[in-house]
PDB file of N, CA and C in Angstrom:
ATOM      1  N   MET A   1      13.155   5.016   1.824  1.00  0.00           N
ATOM      2  CA  MET A   1      12.097   4.406   1.053  1.00  0.00           C
ATOM      3  C   MET A   1      12.338   4.760  -0.398  1.00  0.00           C
ATOM      4  N   GLU A   2      12.048   3.811  -1.259  1.00  0.00           N
ATOM      5  CA  GLU A   2      12.198   4.017  -2.692  1.00  0.00           C
ATOM      6  C   GLU A   2      10.922   3.556  -3.383  1.00  0.00           C
ATOM      7  N   LEU A   3      10.406   4.385  -4.263  1.00  0.00           N
ATOM      8  CA  LEU A   3       9.247   4.008  -5.062  1.00  0.00           C
ATOM      9  C   LEU A   3       9.766   3.408  -6.356  1.00  0.00           C
ATOM     10  N   VAL A   4       9.312   2.216  -6.656  1.00  0.00           N
ATOM     11  CA  VAL A   4       9.791   1.544  -7.866  1.00  0.00           C
ATOM     12  C   VAL A   4       8.613   1.042  -8.680  1.00  0.00           C
ATOM     13  N   PRO A   5       8.804   0.960  -9.986  1.00  0.00           N
ATOM     14  CA  PRO A   5       7.723   0.437 -10.826  1.00  0.00           C
ATOM     15  C   PRO A   5       7.529  -1.053 -10.582  1.00  0.00           C
ATOM     16  N   SER A   6       6.378  -1.510 -10.936  1.00  0.00           N
ATOM     17  CA  SER A   6       6.050  -2.924 -10.765  1.00  0.00           C
ATOM     18  C   SER A   6       6.519  -3.687 -11.994  1.00  0.00           C
ATOM     19  N   ASP A   7       7.792  -4.023 -12.023  1.00  0.00           N
ATOM     20  CA  ASP A   7       8.292  -4.812 -13.140  1.00  0.00           C
ATOM     21  C   ASP A   7       8.651  -6.210 -12.661  1.00  0.00           C
ATOM     22  N   ASP A   8       8.995  -7.057 -13.600  1.00  0.00           N
ATOM     23  CA  ASP A   8       9.249  -8.458 -13.263  1.00  0.00           C
ATOM     24  C   ASP A   8      10.366  -8.636 -12.235  1.00  0.00           C
ATOM     25  N   ALA A   9      11.434  -7.871 -12.358  1.00  0.00           N
ATOM     26  CA  ALA A   9      12.561  -8.018 -11.428  1.00  0.00           C
ATOM     27  C   ALA A   9      12.156  -7.638 -10.005  1.00  0.00           C
ATOM     28  N   VAL A  10      11.390  -6.572  -9.872  1.00  0.00           N
ATOM     29  CA  VAL A  10      10.941  -6.137  -8.543  1.00  0.00           C
ATOM     30  C   VAL A  10       9.999  -7.171  -7.952  1.00  0.00           C
ATOM     31  N   ARG A  11       9.041  -7.633  -8.750  1.00  0.00           N
ATOM     32  CA  ARG A  11       8.100  -8.655  -8.249  1.00  0.00           C
ATOM     33  C   ARG A  11       8.849  -9.914  -7.823  1.00  0.00           C
ATOM     34  N   GLU A  12       9.788 -10.350  -8.638  1.00  0.00           N
ATOM     35  CA  GLU A  12      10.535 -11.576  -8.313  1.00  0.00           C
ATOM     36  C   GLU A  12      11.335 -11.390  -7.030  1.00  0.00           C
ATOM     37  N   ARG A  13      11.958 -10.242  -6.879  1.00  0.00           N
ATOM     38  CA  ARG A  13      12.764  -9.975  -5.681  1.00  0.00           C
ATOM     39  C   ARG A  13      11.934 -10.092  -4.414  1.00  0.00           C
ATOM     40  N   TRP A  14      10.690  -9.628  -4.462  1.00  0.00           N
ATOM     41  CA  TRP A  14       9.855  -9.603  -3.263  1.00  0.00           C
ATOM     42  C   TRP A  14       8.801 -10.699  -3.244  1.00  0.00           C
ATOM     43  N   GLY A  15       8.786 -11.577  -4.234  1.00  0.00           N
ATOM     44  CA  GLY A  15       7.857 -12.700  -4.228  1.00  0.00           C
ATOM     45  C   GLY A  15       6.417 -12.311  -4.470  1.00  0.00           C
ATOM     46  N   LEU A  16       6.206 -11.302  -5.298  1.00  0.00           N
ATOM     47  CA  LEU A  16       4.851 -10.854  -5.617  1.00  0.00           C
ATOM     48  C   LEU A  16       4.484 -11.274  -7.031  1.00  0.00           C
ATOM     49  N   THR A  17       3.205 -11.485  -7.256  1.00  0.00           N
ATOM     50  CA  THR A  17       2.729 -11.875  -8.585  1.00  0.00           C
ATOM     51  C   THR A  17       2.268 -10.627  -9.344  1.00  0.00           C
ATOM     52  N   PRO A  18       2.183 -10.726 -10.674  1.00  0.00           N
ATOM     53  CA  PRO A  18       1.649  -9.598 -11.446  1.00  0.00           C
ATOM     54  C   PRO A  18       0.230  -9.230 -11.002  1.00  0.00           C
ATOM     55  N   GLU A  19      -0.567 -10.216 -10.649  1.00  0.00           N
ATOM     56  CA  GLU A  19      -1.934  -9.954 -10.190  1.00  0.00           C
ATOM     57  C   GLU A  19      -1.930  -9.137  -8.898  1.00  0.00           C
ATOM     58  N   GLN A  20      -1.053  -9.498  -7.976  1.00  0.00           N
ATOM     59  CA  GLN A  20      -0.984  -8.772  -6.706  1.00  0.00           C
ATOM     60  C   GLN A  20      -0.613  -7.309  -6.922  1.00  0.00           C
ATOM     61  N   THR A  21       0.381  -7.071  -7.775  1.00  0.00           N
ATOM     62  CA  THR A  21       0.819  -5.692  -7.981  1.00  0.00           C
ATOM     63  C   THR A  21      -0.143  -4.904  -8.861  1.00  0.00           C
ATOM     64  N   ALA A  22      -0.960  -5.573  -9.652  1.00  0.00           N
ATOM     65  CA  ALA A  22      -1.973  -4.874 -10.441  1.00  0.00           C
ATOM     66  C   ALA A  22      -3.143  -4.443  -9.560  1.00  0.00           C
ATOM     67  N   GLN A  23      -3.391  -5.179  -8.485  1.00  0.00           N
ATOM     68  CA  GLN A  23      -4.537  -4.898  -7.623  1.00  0.00           C
ATOM     69  C   GLN A  23      -4.245  -3.876  -6.534  1.00  0.00           C
ATOM     70  N   ALA A  24      -2.994  -3.754  -6.117  1.00  0.00           N
ATOM     71  CA  ALA A  24      -2.714  -2.896  -4.966  1.00  0.00           C
ATOM     72  C   ALA A  24      -1.284  -2.384  -4.977  1.00  0.00           C
ATOM     73  N   ALA A  25      -1.092  -1.268  -4.288  1.00  0.00           N
ATOM     74  CA  ALA A  25       0.250  -0.770  -4.005  1.00  0.00           C
ATOM     75  C   ALA A  25       0.844  -1.647  -2.904  1.00  0.00           C
ATOM     76  N   TRP A  26       2.150  -1.781  -2.897  1.00  0.00           N
ATOM     77  CA  TRP A  26       2.830  -2.606  -1.903  1.00  0.00           C
ATOM     78  C   TRP A  26       3.991  -1.859  -1.288  1.00  0.00           C
ATOM     79  N   CYS A  27       4.205  -2.032   0.009  1.00  0.00           N
ATOM     80  CA  CYS A  27       5.420  -1.638   0.713  1.00  0.00           C
ATOM     81  C   CYS A  27       6.005  -2.932   1.250  1.00  0.00           C
ATOM     82  N   VAL A  28       7.214  -3.213   0.841  1.00  0.00           N
ATOM     83  CA  VAL A  28       7.834  -4.464   1.263  1.00  0.00           C
ATOM     84  C   VAL A  28       9.238  -4.210   1.798  1.00  0.00           C
ATOM     85  N   ALA A  29       9.618  -5.023   2.731  1.00  0.00           N
ATOM     86  CA  ALA A  29      10.954  -5.019   3.308  1.00  0.00           C
ATOM     87  C   ALA A  29      11.214  -6.449   3.765  1.00  0.00           C
ATOM     88  N   PRO A  30      12.456  -6.791   4.024  1.00  0.00           N
ATOM     89  CA  PRO A  30      12.721  -8.154   4.470  1.00  0.00           C
ATOM     90  C   PRO A  30      11.837  -8.541   5.658  1.00  0.00           C
ATOM     91  N   GLY A  31      11.012  -9.550   5.450  1.00  0.00           N
ATOM     92  CA  GLY A  31      10.172 -10.078   6.518  1.00  0.00           C
ATOM     93  C   GLY A  31       8.808  -9.440   6.673  1.00  0.00           C
ATOM     94  N   VAL A  32       8.531  -8.344   5.980  1.00  0.00           N
ATOM     95  CA  VAL A  32       7.229  -7.693   6.099  1.00  0.00           C
ATOM     96  C   VAL A  32       6.709  -7.274   4.732  1.00  0.00           C
ATOM     97  N   ARG A  33       5.389  -7.364   4.578  1.00  0.00           N
ATOM     98  CA  ARG A  33       4.733  -6.946   3.339  1.00  0.00           C
ATOM     99  C   ARG A  33       3.401  -6.305   3.694  1.00  0.00           C
ATOM    100  N   PHE A  34       3.184  -5.112   3.181  1.00  0.00           N
ATOM    101  CA  PHE A  34       1.931  -4.403   3.387  1.00  0.00           C
ATOM    102  C   PHE A  34       1.333  -4.096   2.027  1.00  0.00           C
ATOM    103  N   ALA A  35       0.031  -4.286   1.900  1.00  0.00           N
ATOM    104  CA  ALA A  35      -0.651  -4.015   0.638  1.00  0.00           C
ATOM    105  C   ALA A  35      -1.784  -3.028   0.846  1.00  0.00           C
ATOM    106  N   GLY A  36      -2.162  -2.359  -0.236  1.00  0.00           N
ATOM    107  CA  GLY A  36      -3.337  -1.497  -0.219  1.00  0.00           C
ATOM    108  C   GLY A  36      -3.206  -0.319   0.716  1.00  0.00           C
ATOM    109  N   ALA A  37      -4.250  -0.082   1.494  1.00  0.00           N
ATOM    110  CA  ALA A  37      -4.298   1.079   2.385  1.00  0.00           C
ATOM    111  C   ALA A  37      -3.152   1.059   3.395  1.00  0.00           C
ATOM    112  N   ALA A  38      -2.807  -0.095   3.905  1.00  0.00           N
ATOM    113  CA  ALA A  38      -1.706  -0.183   4.872  1.00  0.00           C
ATOM    114  C   ALA A  38      -0.386   0.222   4.229  1.00  0.00           C
ATOM    115  N   ALA A  39      -0.174  -0.154   2.964  1.00  0.00           N
ATOM    116  CA  ALA A  39       1.042   0.233   2.251  1.00  0.00           C
ATOM    117  C   ALA A  39       1.092   1.739   2.051  1.00  0.00           C
ATOM    118  N   VAL A  40      -0.034   2.332   1.694  1.00  0.00           N
ATOM    119  CA  VAL A  40      -0.092   3.781   1.511  1.00  0.00           C
ATOM    120  C   VAL A  40       0.148   4.480   2.847  1.00  0.00           C
ATOM    121  N   GLY A  41      -0.463   3.983   3.911  1.00  0.00           N
ATOM    122  CA  GLY A  41      -0.248   4.562   5.234  1.00  0.00           C
ATOM    123  C   GLY A  41       1.210   4.516   5.652  1.00  0.00           C
ATOM    124  N   LEU A  42       1.871   3.401   5.394  1.00  0.00           N
ATOM    125  CA  LEU A  42       3.292   3.274   5.726  1.00  0.00           C
ATOM    126  C   LEU A  42       4.130   4.225   4.876  1.00  0.00           C
ATOM    127  N   ALA A  43       3.820   4.308   3.584  1.00  0.00           N
ATOM    128  CA  ALA A  43       4.566   5.211   2.703  1.00  0.00           C
ATOM    129  C   ALA A  43       4.411   6.665   3.137  1.00  0.00           C
ATOM    130  N   VAL A  44       3.194   7.059   3.497  1.00  0.00           N
ATOM    131  CA  VAL A  44       2.956   8.432   3.963  1.00  0.00           C
ATOM    132  C   VAL A  44       3.703   8.676   5.279  1.00  0.00           C
ATOM    133  N   SER A  45       3.682   7.708   6.156  1.00  0.00           N
ATOM    134  CA  SER A  45       4.381   7.833   7.429  1.00  0.00           C
ATOM    135  C   SER A  45       5.877   8.053   7.219  1.00  0.00           C
ATOM    136  N   VAL A  46       6.466   7.277   6.332  1.00  0.00           N
ATOM    137  CA  VAL A  46       7.897   7.423   6.046  1.00  0.00           C
ATOM    138  C   VAL A  46       8.168   8.765   5.374  1.00  0.00           C
ATOM    139  N   ALA A  47       7.340   9.136   4.403  1.00  0.00           N
ATOM    140  CA  ALA A  47       7.540  10.400   3.690  1.00  0.00           C
ATOM    141  C   ALA A  47       7.429  11.598   4.627  1.00  0.00           C
ATOM    142  N   TRP A  48       6.489  11.570   5.545  1.00  0.00           N
ATOM    143  CA  TRP A  48       6.299  12.665   6.497  1.00  0.00           C
ATOM    144  C   TRP A  48       7.291  12.607   7.656  1.00  0.00           C
ATOM    145  N   GLY A  49       7.917  11.462   7.855  1.00  0.00           N
ATOM    146  CA  GLY A  49       8.798  11.307   9.010  1.00  0.00           C
ATOM    147  C   GLY A  49       8.018  11.316  10.314  1.00  0.00           C
ATOM    148  N   SER A  50       6.799  10.782  10.257  1.00  0.00           N
ATOM    149  CA  SER A  50       5.904  10.810  11.413  1.00  0.00           C
ATOM    150  C   SER A  50       5.185   9.467  11.538  1.00  0.00           C
ATOM    151  N   SER A  51       4.927   9.061  12.747  1.00  0.00           N
ATOM    152  CA  SER A  51       4.182   7.821  12.961  1.00  0.00           C
ATOM    153  C   SER A  51       2.673   8.053  12.954  1.00  0.00           C
ATOM    154  N   PHE A  52       2.235   9.309  12.817  1.00  0.00           N
ATOM    155  CA  PHE A  52       0.810   9.605  12.898  1.00  0.00           C
ATOM    156  C   PHE A  52      -0.045   8.763  11.957  1.00  0.00           C
ATOM    157  N   PRO A  53       0.305   8.660  10.668  1.00  0.00           N
ATOM    158  CA  PRO A  53      -0.552   7.835   9.804  1.00  0.00           C
ATOM    159  C   PRO A  53      -0.696   6.396  10.312  1.00  0.00           C
ATOM    160  N   LEU A  54       0.346   5.856  10.903  1.00  0.00           N
ATOM    161  CA  LEU A  54       0.282   4.474  11.405  1.00  0.00           C
ATOM    162  C   LEU A  54      -0.560   4.370  12.672  1.00  0.00           C
ATOM    163  N   VAL A  55      -0.574   5.426  13.462  1.00  0.00           N
ATOM    164  CA  VAL A  55      -1.368   5.436  14.699  1.00  0.00           C
ATOM    165  C   VAL A  55      -2.850   5.309  14.377  1.00  0.00           C
ATOM    166  N   LEU A  56      -3.259   5.822  13.215  1.00  0.00           N
ATOM    167  CA  LEU A  56      -4.671   5.737  12.837  1.00  0.00           C
ATOM    168  C   LEU A  56      -5.170   4.293  12.789  1.00  0.00           C
ATOM    169  N   TRP A  57      -4.285   3.360  12.459  1.00  0.00           N
ATOM    170  CA  TRP A  57      -4.702   1.953  12.383  1.00  0.00           C
ATOM    171  C   TRP A  57      -5.051   1.382  13.761  1.00  0.00           C
ATOM    172  N   ARG A  58      -4.701   2.086  14.815  1.00  0.00           N
ATOM    173  CA  ARG A  58      -5.079   1.644  16.171  1.00  0.00           C
ATOM    174  C   ARG A  58      -6.510   2.043  16.523  1.00  0.00           C
ATOM    175  N   VAL A  59      -7.079   2.973  15.762  1.00  0.00           N
ATOM    176  CA  VAL A  59      -8.455   3.405  16.005  1.00  0.00           C
ATOM    177  C   VAL A  59      -9.381   2.282  15.546  1.00  0.00           C
ATOM    178  N   PRO A  60     -10.253   1.805  16.432  1.00  0.00           N
ATOM    179  CA  PRO A  60     -11.137   0.701  16.050  1.00  0.00           C
ATOM    180  C   PRO A  60     -11.930   1.022  14.776  1.00  0.00           C
ATOM    181  N   GLY A  61     -11.861   0.108  13.830  1.00  0.00           N
ATOM    182  CA  GLY A  61     -12.598   0.246  12.584  1.00  0.00           C
ATOM    183  C   GLY A  61     -11.882   1.026  11.497  1.00  0.00           C
ATOM    184  N   PHE A  62     -10.805   1.747  11.844  1.00  0.00           N
ATOM    185  CA  PHE A  62     -10.134   2.563  10.837  1.00  0.00           C
ATOM    186  C   PHE A  62      -9.573   1.717   9.699  1.00  0.00           C
ATOM    187  N   GLY A  63      -8.941   0.607  10.027  1.00  0.00           N
ATOM    188  CA  GLY A  63      -8.362  -0.249   8.987  1.00  0.00           C
ATOM    189  C   GLY A  63      -9.410  -0.736   8.002  1.00  0.00           C
ATOM    190  N   ARG A  64     -10.565  -1.105   8.522  1.00  0.00           N
ATOM    191  CA  ARG A  64     -11.650  -1.589   7.658  1.00  0.00           C
ATOM    192  C   ARG A  64     -12.138  -0.486   6.719  1.00  0.00           C
ATOM    193  N   VAL A  65     -12.289   0.728   7.259  1.00  0.00           N
ATOM    194  CA  VAL A  65     -12.739   1.863   6.441  1.00  0.00           C
ATOM    195  C   VAL A  65     -11.655   2.230   5.419  1.00  0.00           C
ATOM    196  N   ALA A  66     -10.407   2.254   5.851  1.00  0.00           N
ATOM    197  CA  ALA A  66      -9.304   2.584   4.943  1.00  0.00           C
ATOM    198  C   ALA A  66      -9.204   1.555   3.820  1.00  0.00           C
ATOM    199  N   ASP A  67      -9.357   0.281   4.144  1.00  0.00           N
ATOM    200  CA  ASP A  67      -9.312  -0.767   3.113  1.00  0.00           C
ATOM    201  C   ASP A  67     -10.457  -0.613   2.119  1.00  0.00           C
ATOM    202  N   ALA A  68     -11.653  -0.282   2.608  1.00  0.00           N
ATOM    203  CA  ALA A  68     -12.800  -0.093   1.719  1.00  0.00           C
ATOM    204  C   ALA A  68     -12.581   1.111   0.808  1.00  0.00           C
ATOM    205  N   ALA A  69     -12.059   2.202   1.363  1.00  0.00           N
ATOM    206  CA  ALA A  69     -11.783   3.391   0.554  1.00  0.00           C
ATOM    207  C   ALA A  69     -10.711   3.095  -0.483  1.00  0.00           C
ATOM    208  N   TYR A  70      -9.670   2.389  -0.082  1.00  0.00           N
ATOM    209  CA  TYR A  70      -8.602   2.032  -1.019  1.00  0.00           C
ATOM    210  C   TYR A  70      -9.155   1.158  -2.141  1.00  0.00           C
ATOM    211  N   ALA A  71      -9.973   0.192  -1.804  1.00  0.00           N
ATOM    212  CA  ALA A  71     -10.553  -0.699  -2.812  1.00  0.00           C
ATOM    213  C   ALA A  71     -11.411   0.082  -3.801  1.00  0.00           C
ATOM    214  N   TRP A  72     -12.189   1.063  -3.303  1.00  0.00           N
ATOM    215  CA  TRP A  72     -13.020   1.876  -4.193  1.00  0.00           C
ATOM    216  C   TRP A  72     -12.153   2.679  -5.154  1.00  0.00           C
ATOM    217  N   VAL A  73     -11.108   3.316  -4.621  1.00  0.00           N
ATOM    218  CA  VAL A  73     -10.207   4.102  -5.467  1.00  0.00           C
ATOM    219  C   VAL A  73      -9.527   3.197  -6.494  1.00  0.00           C
ATOM    220  N   ALA A  74      -9.073   2.031  -6.072  1.00  0.00           N
ATOM    221  CA  ALA A  74      -8.400   1.115  -6.990  1.00  0.00           C
ATOM    222  C   ALA A  74      -9.338   0.678  -8.124  1.00  0.00           C
ATOM    223  N   ARG A  75     -10.590   0.421  -7.789  1.00  0.00           N
ATOM    224  CA  ARG A  75     -11.561   0.003  -8.817  1.00  0.00           C
ATOM    225  C   ARG A  75     -11.899   1.134  -9.771  1.00  0.00           C
ATOM    226  N   ASN A  76     -11.812   2.345  -9.297  1.00  0.00           N
ATOM    227  CA  ASN A  76     -12.243   3.499 -10.096  1.00  0.00           C
ATOM    228  C   ASN A  76     -11.101   4.409 -10.530  1.00  0.00           C
ATOM    229  N   ARG A  77      -9.867   3.959 -10.379  1.00  0.00           N
ATOM    230  CA  ARG A  77      -8.729   4.842 -10.672  1.00  0.00           C
ATOM    231  C   ARG A  77      -8.706   5.303 -12.120  1.00  0.00           C
ATOM    232  N   HIS A  78      -9.269   4.539 -13.028  1.00  0.00           N
ATOM    233  CA  HIS A  78      -9.298   4.963 -14.428  1.00  0.00           C
ATOM    234  C   HIS A  78     -10.223   6.163 -14.644  1.00  0.00           C
ATOM    235  N   ARG A  79     -11.088   6.440 -13.692  1.00  0.00           N
ATOM    236  CA  ARG A  79     -12.001   7.584 -13.778  1.00  0.00           C
ATOM    237  C   ARG A  79     -11.443   8.831 -13.081  1.00  0.00           C
ATOM    238  N   LEU A  80     -10.402   8.657 -12.300  1.00  0.00           N
ATOM    239  CA  LEU A  80      -9.860   9.765 -11.511  1.00  0.00           C
ATOM    240  C   LEU A  80      -8.846  10.546 -12.342  1.00  0.00           C
ATOM    241  N   PRO A  81      -8.719  11.851 -12.034  1.00  0.00           N
ATOM    242  CA  PRO A  81      -7.740  12.676 -12.785  1.00  0.00           C
ATOM    243  C   PRO A  81      -6.309  12.285 -12.486  1.00  0.00           C
TER     244      PRO A  81
END
C-alpha cells in the first residue's frame, strides 16, 4: 500500500474528481474503489496485516455508524489537532 497526495495525476489515474478527493480519503486498486470509512478501514487492515478491521463491517449497523463518524470528522477536521 502506498499513501499518495491527492494531485491531478493521481486523480486522473484512478478516475477521481477533485471534489471526491476533497470530501473523503480513498483506497483504490484496479477494479475496486473504497471511500471514507471503508477506505480507512482497508488502510488500517493493510497496515496492521490483519483482517480484523474489515471484519467489523460484517457487524450489522457498523458500516452506517463508521460512515457517520467519518463524515463528522471530515466536516470538523479543521477543528481537530
